[in-house]
């Protein structure tokens, strides 16, 4: 499985309250909820993101509360993959559970810039900055995690 998209880059310690502010958690429609993704850190994010784009971040991405809404709104906004130096443990598991591919790769997260075109091969873990031609070796997903992601989440995987 491969994805390719334009990068939206964020820093360290992006917490779940920034990803989706708590004041919007009473919105039940996922499409509407996704219109508030990242609004407290980048008010223009949702108007610029396109299906297939890629998010790149620093250390401890998704820290804070364990709300499942955070990876869900990222996915629903159109982001196809998140690359970070490190992820908060609960965010990592929630992302896999809802079928949002995430890859830890400190070198790629450091070097890739906002606006670059990046491709990711989930089978090998290879991340390629198409803008610079530089490739990075992220950790490939184990086969069972790839199946969960291809099924669009754990519930769909179990029910298939």
Protein backbone atom coordinates (compact mmCIF):
# COMPACT_ATOMS: atom_id res chain seq x y z
CA UNK A 1 0.00 0.00 0.00
CA UNK A 2 1.36 3.43 -0.99
CA UNK A 3 0.25 7.01 -0.45
CA UNK A 4 1.49 10.30 -1.86
CA UNK A 5 0.58 13.83 -0.87
CA UNK A 6 1.53 17.33 0.18
CA UNK A 7 2.97 17.77 3.67
CA UNK A 8 1.45 19.76 6.51
CA UNK A 9 4.16 20.07 9.16
CA UNK A 10 3.69 20.57 12.88
CA UNK A 11 6.06 20.65 15.85
CA UNK A 12 6.57 18.73 19.08
CA UNK A 13 3.91 17.88 21.67
CA UNK A 14 0.85 18.46 19.50
CA UNK A 15 -1.83 17.30 21.90
CA UNK A 16 -5.29 15.97 21.29
CA UNK A 17 -6.84 19.26 22.47
CA UNK A 18 -5.08 21.01 19.58
CA UNK A 19 -5.92 18.28 17.08
CA UNK A 20 -9.63 18.58 17.94
CA UNK A 21 -10.57 21.17 20.56
CA UNK A 22 -12.87 19.84 23.30
CA UNK A 23 -15.44 22.58 22.62
CA UNK A 24 -16.38 20.73 19.40
CA UNK A 25 -16.74 17.23 20.81
CA UNK A 26 -20.52 17.55 21.01
CA UNK A 27 -20.65 17.48 17.17
CA UNK A 28 -21.84 14.04 16.14
CA UNK A 29 -21.37 14.34 12.36
CA UNK A 30 -17.81 13.21 11.57
CA UNK A 31 -17.55 15.34 8.43
CA UNK A 32 -18.55 18.46 10.33
CA UNK A 33 -16.27 17.57 13.26
CA UNK A 34 -13.32 17.24 10.86
CA UNK A 35 -13.80 20.88 9.80
CA UNK A 36 -12.34 21.82 13.20
CA UNK A 37 -9.20 19.67 12.88
CA UNK A 38 -6.05 21.58 13.90
CA UNK A 39 -7.94 24.91 14.00
CA UNK A 40 -6.23 26.10 17.20
CA UNK A 41 -2.77 25.66 15.66
CA UNK A 42 -3.51 26.39 11.97
CA UNK A 43 -6.84 28.05 11.15
CA UNK A 44 -6.28 27.48 7.41
CA UNK A 45 -5.50 23.74 7.65
CA UNK A 46 -8.99 22.44 6.80
CA UNK A 47 -9.38 24.81 3.86
CA UNK A 48 -6.03 23.71 2.37
CA UNK A 49 -5.84 19.97 3.09
CA UNK A 50 -6.72 17.62 0.24
CA UNK A 51 -7.51 13.92 0.28
CA UNK A 52 -4.24 12.00 0.38
CA UNK A 53 -2.13 14.72 2.00
CA UNK A 54 0.38 13.80 4.70
CA UNK A 55 0.96 15.21 8.17
CA UNK A 56 4.51 15.39 9.57
CA UNK A 57 5.23 16.23 13.20
CA UNK A 58 7.86 16.22 15.90
CA UNK A 59 8.03 14.33 19.17
CA UNK A 60 5.11 13.07 21.24
CA UNK A 61 2.42 13.68 18.62
CA UNK A 62 -1.08 13.05 19.99
CA UNK A 63 -0.21 13.47 23.66
CA UNK A 64 -2.87 14.48 26.16
CA UNK A 65 -6.27 12.87 26.54
CA UNK A 66 -7.07 9.48 25.07
CA UNK A 67 -9.91 10.75 22.88
CA UNK A 68 -10.40 8.66 19.76
CA UNK A 69 -11.71 11.75 18.00
CA UNK A 70 -8.15 13.00 17.41
CA UNK A 71 -6.95 10.42 14.88
CA UNK A 72 -10.46 10.18 13.44
CA UNK A 73 -10.66 13.90 12.55
CA UNK A 74 -7.18 13.76 11.04
CA UNK A 75 -8.28 10.87 8.82
CA UNK A 76 -11.65 12.46 8.04
CA UNK A 77 -9.95 15.75 7.07
CA UNK A 78 -8.23 13.88 4.21
CA UNK A 79 -4.82 13.07 5.70
CA UNK A 80 -3.62 9.69 4.45
CA UNK A 81 -0.68 9.22 6.84
CA UNK A 82 1.04 10.86 9.81
CA UNK A 83 4.82 10.73 10.10
CA UNK A 84 6.35 11.83 13.41
CA UNK A 85 9.50 11.53 15.46
CA UNK A 86 7.41 9.78 18.14
CA UNK A 87 3.74 9.29 18.98
CA UNK A 88 1.96 9.24 22.30
CA UNK A 89 1.19 5.60 23.05
CA UNK A 90 -2.60 5.89 23.27
CA UNK A 91 -2.80 8.03 20.11
CA UNK A 92 -0.72 5.41 18.27
CA UNK A 93 -3.13 2.63 19.21
CA UNK A 94 -6.22 4.74 18.51
CA UNK A 95 -4.86 5.63 15.06
CA UNK A 96 -4.36 1.98 14.14
CA UNK A 97 -7.79 1.10 15.58
CA UNK A 98 -9.52 3.56 13.23
CA UNK A 99 -7.29 2.77 10.25
CA UNK A 100 -5.08 5.89 10.14
CA UNK A 101 -1.55 4.90 9.05
CA UNK A 102 1.18 6.40 11.21
CA UNK A 103 4.94 5.95 10.98
CA UNK A 104 7.68 6.89 13.41
CA UNK A 105 10.78 8.12 11.61
CA UNK A 106 12.78 10.83 13.39
CA UNK A 107 15.02 11.54 10.39
CA UNK A 108 12.13 12.08 7.99
CA UNK A 109 10.15 14.12 10.51
CA UNK A 110 13.14 16.40 11.02
CA UNK A 111 14.09 16.88 7.38
CA UNK A 112 10.79 17.01 5.49
CA UNK A 113 9.40 20.53 5.14
CA UNK A 114 5.88 21.92 4.95
CA UNK A 115 4.60 21.86 1.38
CA UNK A 116 6.92 19.09 0.17
CA UNK A 117 5.49 16.19 -1.83
CA UNK A 118 6.06 12.91 0.02
CA UNK A 119 5.30 9.29 -0.77
CA UNK A 120 5.11 6.44 1.72
CA UNK A 121 5.34 2.71 1.03
CA UNK A 122 3.76 0.97 4.01
CA UNK A 123 5.03 -2.47 2.98
CA UNK A 124 8.67 -1.42 3.30
CA UNK A 125 8.38 1.63 5.57
CA UNK A 126 10.18 3.74 2.96
CA UNK A 127 9.36 7.43 3.06
CA UNK A 128 10.47 9.46 0.04
CA UNK A 129 10.57 13.24 -0.04
CA UNK A 130 9.70 13.64 -3.71
CA UNK A 131 10.64 17.34 -3.55
CA UNK A 132 14.27 16.65 -2.57
CA UNK A 133 14.61 13.05 -3.78
CA UNK A 134 15.70 11.89 -0.30
CA UNK A 135 14.44 8.60 1.12
CA UNK A 136 14.14 7.53 4.74
CA UNK A 137 13.61 4.15 6.34
CA UNK A 138 10.63 4.21 8.67
CA UNK A 139 9.37 1.16 10.45
CA UNK A 140 7.16 -0.98 8.23
CA UNK A 141 3.82 -2.07 9.64
CA UNK A 142 3.54 -5.72 10.59
CA UNK A 143 1.20 -7.62 8.26
CA UNK A 144 -1.68 -7.75 10.75
CA UNK A 145 -1.56 -3.95 11.22
CA UNK A 146 -1.56 -3.46 7.45
CA UNK A 147 -4.70 -5.60 7.28
CA UNK A 148 -6.39 -3.42 9.93
CA UNK A 149 -5.48 -0.25 8.02
CA UNK A 150 -6.62 -1.68 4.67
CA UNK A 151 -9.94 -2.63 6.31
CA UNK A 152 -10.31 1.03 7.45
CA UNK A 153 -10.03 0.08 11.13
CA UNK A 154 -10.15 -2.67 13.70
CA UNK A 155 -13.95 -3.04 13.81
CA UNK A 156 -14.15 -3.49 10.02
CA UNK A 157 -11.22 -5.92 10.15
CA UNK A 158 -12.90 -8.06 12.79
CA UNK A 159 -16.24 -7.98 10.97
CA UNK A 160 -14.78 -8.96 7.60
